[in-house]
Amino acid sequence: MFYHKKEPIHPVNVCEADPRFAQLLLEQFGGATGELSAALQYWVQSFHVEDPGIRDMLQDIAIEEFSHLEMVGKLIEAHTKNTDQTEAYKSTLFAVRGMGPHFLDSQGSAWTAHYLNEGGDVVRDLRANIAAEAGARQTYEELIKLATDQGTKNTLVHLLTREVSHTRMFMKALDSLGKLSEPFFGNIQPDETVDIYYNLSANGDGKDQRGPWNREPDFKYITNPLERKS
């Protein structure tokens, strides 16, 4: 059962309407990194999860993402309301589609379920969710840089903040499973190449880049994979 209270989870106030900025906001309504995508992704993932705590977390966050979708929708509505006669309005997608949010991204492409990333394994899904939150956070950061209305900016900062919060929650859930930094999951054991790093790019100066991602004792560094193959 869902219960909707007609009050946003965080205040949404717009002082100066800007329909061109509203078109950019569509990215977080009907775009790949948007709130609709996140809400549906986490909600569907929850049905695959046997751990009752992680299932509850996914459903709680999914519902919060639906509330964020409402906030973005209200922002778009406020930025397009009573501006239909302006040249700015006529230069946007809203001139054809009408005011308020639509299932489109900022370029006018329709929302698609291809944006969703779920696969029926809790470790895989939690890692996908961390990536999803990172994408949303980046989009919000760019929107905040472009926002000129302070009320809009305040709302966007809150939404960005919650992306960081959700990332921490997903990381804690992975840690509770012992999989935060452990790449192995599933039932198929990797073969003998699992700890090999192949040097397959060169700078031309003979100085290959080394770091913890290709150093012993975790990895065997193969300087010349062609020689090794022969």
Protein backbone atom coordinates (compact mmCIF):
# COMPACT_ATOMS: atom_id res chain seq x y z
CA MET A 1 0.00 0.00 0.00
CA PHE A 2 1.21 3.49 -0.83
CA TYR A 3 0.11 6.59 1.00
CA HIS A 4 0.80 9.99 -0.50
CA LYS A 5 0.88 13.10 1.64
CA LYS A 6 0.47 16.25 -0.43
CA GLU A 7 3.51 17.92 1.07
CA PRO A 8 7.03 17.52 -0.35
CA ILE A 9 9.67 15.90 1.83
CA HIS A 10 11.69 19.13 1.51
CA PRO A 11 10.43 22.67 0.71
CA VAL A 12 10.29 23.59 -2.98
CA ASN A 13 10.34 27.34 -3.58
CA VAL A 14 11.00 29.09 -6.88
CA CYS A 15 11.30 32.89 -6.95
CA GLU A 16 12.15 33.49 -10.59
CA ALA A 17 10.78 31.14 -13.25
CA ASP A 18 13.20 30.03 -15.95
CA PRO A 19 11.72 27.61 -18.52
CA ARG A 20 15.10 27.01 -20.13
CA PHE A 21 16.46 25.80 -16.79
CA ALA A 22 13.29 23.72 -16.39
CA GLN A 23 14.26 21.85 -19.56
CA LEU A 24 17.61 21.01 -17.98
CA LEU A 25 15.75 19.77 -14.89
CA LEU A 26 13.96 17.22 -17.05
CA GLU A 27 17.22 15.25 -16.93
CA GLN A 28 16.43 14.39 -13.32
CA PHE A 29 12.78 13.59 -14.04
CA GLY A 30 12.79 11.47 -17.18
CA GLY A 31 16.50 11.02 -17.79
CA ALA A 32 18.91 8.14 -17.25
CA THR A 33 20.22 9.51 -13.93
CA GLY A 34 16.82 10.78 -12.82
CA GLU A 35 14.69 10.07 -9.79
CA LEU A 36 12.16 7.90 -11.65
CA SER A 37 14.93 5.57 -12.76
CA ALA A 38 16.34 5.30 -9.23
CA ALA A 39 12.96 4.75 -7.59
CA LEU A 40 11.95 1.95 -9.95
CA GLN A 41 15.40 0.34 -9.90
CA TYR A 42 15.60 0.08 -6.11
CA TRP A 43 11.96 -0.97 -5.75
CA VAL A 44 12.28 -3.84 -8.22
CA GLN A 45 15.62 -4.91 -6.75
CA SER A 46 14.01 -5.28 -3.33
CA PHE A 47 11.94 -8.23 -4.54
CA HIS A 48 15.13 -10.18 -5.33
CA VAL A 49 16.64 -9.71 -1.86
CA GLU A 50 16.30 -12.37 0.85
CA ASP A 51 17.96 -10.34 3.62
CA PRO A 52 15.01 -8.58 5.31
CA GLY A 53 17.10 -5.62 6.44
CA ILE A 54 18.53 -4.85 3.00
CA ARG A 55 15.12 -5.38 1.41
CA ASP A 56 13.63 -2.84 3.83
CA MET A 57 16.44 -0.38 3.08
CA LEU A 58 15.91 -0.66 -0.68
CA GLN A 59 12.18 -0.07 -0.32
CA ASP A 60 12.67 2.90 2.01
CA ILE A 61 15.15 4.51 -0.37
CA ALA A 62 12.91 3.75 -3.36
CA ILE A 63 10.01 5.58 -1.73
CA GLU A 64 12.28 8.50 -0.90
CA GLU A 65 13.32 8.61 -4.56
CA PHE A 66 9.64 8.85 -5.53
CA SER A 67 9.40 11.84 -3.19
CA HIS A 68 12.43 13.34 -4.93
CA LEU A 69 10.70 12.80 -8.27
CA GLU A 70 7.81 14.83 -6.88
CA MET A 71 10.18 17.62 -5.85
CA VAL A 72 11.81 17.77 -9.28
CA GLY A 73 8.36 17.75 -10.87
CA LYS A 74 7.27 20.66 -8.69
CA LEU A 75 10.41 22.57 -9.65
CA ILE A 76 9.71 22.03 -13.35
CA GLU A 77 6.09 23.05 -12.91
CA ALA A 78 7.06 26.24 -11.07
CA HIS A 79 9.65 27.16 -13.69
CA THR A 80 7.18 26.76 -16.57
CA LYS A 81 3.96 28.04 -14.99
CA ASN A 82 2.67 31.42 -16.26
CA THR A 83 5.58 31.77 -18.68
CA ASP A 84 3.96 30.36 -21.83
CA GLN A 85 4.02 33.71 -23.64
CA THR A 86 7.74 34.35 -23.17
CA GLU A 87 10.35 33.79 -25.85
CA ALA A 88 12.26 31.65 -23.36
CA TYR A 89 9.25 29.33 -23.05
CA LYS A 90 8.83 29.10 -26.82
CA SER A 91 12.42 27.95 -27.20
CA THR A 92 11.94 24.89 -24.98
CA LEU A 93 10.30 21.48 -25.20
CA PHE A 94 7.40 22.86 -23.15
CA ALA A 95 6.19 24.96 -26.07
CA VAL A 96 5.04 21.71 -27.69
CA ARG A 97 4.44 19.44 -24.69
CA GLY A 98 2.91 21.98 -22.30
CA MET A 99 4.04 23.16 -18.89
CA GLY A 100 5.17 20.88 -16.10
CA PRO A 101 7.23 17.69 -16.11
CA HIS A 102 7.16 15.03 -18.83
CA PHE A 103 8.76 11.61 -19.22
CA LEU A 104 11.58 13.15 -21.23
CA ASP A 105 15.19 14.03 -20.62
CA SER A 106 16.64 17.47 -21.27
CA GLN A 107 17.11 16.67 -24.97
CA GLY A 108 13.56 15.43 -25.48
CA SER A 109 14.31 11.69 -25.49
CA ALA A 110 11.58 9.60 -23.86
CA TRP A 111 12.24 7.73 -20.62
CA THR A 112 13.00 4.04 -21.13
CA ALA A 113 13.32 1.02 -18.87
CA HIS A 114 16.75 0.49 -20.42
CA TYR A 115 17.92 3.03 -17.83
CA LEU A 116 17.26 0.50 -15.05
CA ASN A 117 20.11 -1.67 -13.82
CA GLU A 118 19.03 -4.71 -11.80
CA GLY A 119 20.15 -8.28 -12.03
CA GLY A 120 18.79 -10.44 -9.24
CA ASP A 121 21.98 -10.59 -7.13
CA VAL A 122 22.14 -8.34 -4.09
CA VAL A 123 25.89 -7.65 -4.35
CA ARG A 124 25.68 -6.83 -8.03
CA ASP A 125 22.62 -4.65 -7.48
CA LEU A 126 24.10 -2.69 -4.57
CA ARG A 127 27.18 -1.93 -6.63
CA ALA A 128 24.99 -0.80 -9.52
CA ASN A 129 23.14 1.46 -7.08
CA ILE A 130 26.36 3.12 -5.94
CA ALA A 131 27.10 3.92 -9.58
CA ALA A 132 23.54 5.21 -10.07
CA GLU A 133 23.84 7.55 -7.10
CA ALA A 134 27.18 8.82 -8.40
CA GLY A 135 25.60 9.63 -11.76
CA ALA A 136 22.70 11.46 -10.13
CA ARG A 137 25.03 13.39 -7.83
CA GLN A 138 27.11 14.55 -10.80
CA THR A 139 24.01 15.72 -12.67
CA TYR A 140 22.77 17.64 -9.64
CA GLU A 141 26.15 19.27 -9.20
CA GLU A 142 26.08 20.55 -12.78
CA LEU A 143 22.50 21.78 -12.36
CA ILE A 144 23.45 23.63 -9.18
CA LYS A 145 26.26 25.40 -11.04
CA LEU A 146 23.76 26.57 -13.68
CA ALA A 147 20.93 27.54 -11.31
CA THR A 148 20.36 31.27 -10.75
CA ASP A 149 17.27 31.02 -8.53
CA GLN A 150 18.28 30.54 -4.88
CA GLY A 151 15.17 28.58 -3.93
CA THR A 152 15.83 26.14 -6.77
CA LYS A 153 19.47 25.85 -5.75
CA ASN A 154 18.51 25.04 -2.14
CA THR A 155 16.28 22.20 -3.30
CA LEU A 156 18.95 20.83 -5.62
CA VAL A 157 21.57 20.91 -2.84
CA HIS A 158 19.21 18.85 -0.67
CA LEU A 159 18.70 16.33 -3.48
CA LEU A 160 22.46 16.08 -4.06
CA THR A 161 22.97 15.56 -0.33
CA ARG A 162 20.57 12.64 -0.25
CA GLU A 163 22.42 10.98 -3.15
CA VAL A 164 25.52 11.01 -0.94
CA SER A 165 23.47 9.61 1.97
CA HIS A 166 22.12 6.77 -0.15
CA THR A 167 25.60 5.93 -1.41
CA ARG A 168 26.78 5.57 2.20
CA MET A 169 23.81 3.31 2.98
CA PHE A 170 24.52 1.05 0.01
CA MET A 171 28.19 0.86 0.97
CA LYS A 172 27.27 -0.08 4.55
CA ALA A 173 24.94 -2.78 3.22
CA LEU A 174 27.74 -4.19 1.08
CA ASP A 175 30.06 -4.08 4.07
CA SER A 176 27.53 -6.02 6.15
CA LEU A 177 27.75 -8.75 3.52
CA GLY A 178 31.56 -8.64 3.54
CA LYS A 179 31.52 -7.44 -0.08
CA LEU A 180 32.43 -3.76 0.12
CA SER A 181 35.98 -4.38 -1.14
CA GLU A 182 35.70 -8.04 -2.09
CA PRO A 183 35.20 -8.50 -5.86
CA PHE A 184 34.18 -12.16 -5.73
CA PHE A 185 30.54 -13.15 -5.52
CA GLY A 186 28.45 -15.91 -7.02
CA ASN A 187 29.26 -19.61 -7.31
CA ILE A 188 31.74 -19.78 -10.22
CA GLN A 189 35.37 -19.72 -9.16
CA PRO A 190 37.69 -17.58 -11.30
CA ASP A 191 40.56 -19.19 -13.21
CA GLU A 192 44.32 -18.78 -12.69
CA THR A 193 44.47 -15.37 -14.42
CA VAL A 194 42.51 -13.67 -11.65
CA ASP A 195 45.60 -11.98 -10.17
CA ILE A 196 47.32 -11.07 -13.45
CA TYR A 197 47.69 -7.49 -14.71
CA TYR A 198 48.51 -7.21 -18.42
CA ASN A 199 50.52 -4.14 -19.49
CA LEU A 200 48.61 -3.45 -22.70
CA SER A 201 49.35 0.26 -23.13
CA ALA A 202 52.59 2.21 -23.39
CA ASN A 203 53.57 5.86 -23.09
CA GLY A 204 56.40 5.54 -25.58
CA ASP A 205 59.06 6.44 -23.05
CA GLY A 206 59.37 2.97 -21.56
CA LYS A 207 58.06 4.14 -18.20
CA ASP A 208 54.91 2.21 -17.45
CA GLN A 209 52.54 3.49 -14.80
CA ARG A 210 52.42 1.44 -11.62
CA GLY A 211 50.06 1.61 -8.67
CA PRO A 212 48.22 -0.58 -6.16
CA TRP A 213 46.05 -1.81 -9.04
CA ASN A 214 49.01 -3.62 -10.68
CA ARG A 215 51.56 -4.24 -7.92
CA GLU A 216 52.55 -7.27 -5.91
CA PRO A 217 51.44 -8.96 -3.76
CA ASP A 218 47.91 -8.60 -5.10
CA PHE A 219 48.79 -8.73 -8.78
CA LYS A 220 51.41 -10.28 -11.04
CA TYR A 221 52.55 -7.60 -13.47
CA ILE A 222 53.13 -8.88 -17.01
CA THR A 223 55.40 -6.29 -18.61
CA ASN A 224 55.20 -7.71 -22.13
CA PRO A 225 52.10 -9.87 -22.69
CA LEU A 226 53.29 -10.79 -26.22
CA GLU A 227 56.49 -12.37 -24.91
CA ARG A 228 54.55 -14.23 -22.26
CA LYS A 229 52.09 -15.56 -24.84
CA SER A 230 54.87 -16.86 -27.08
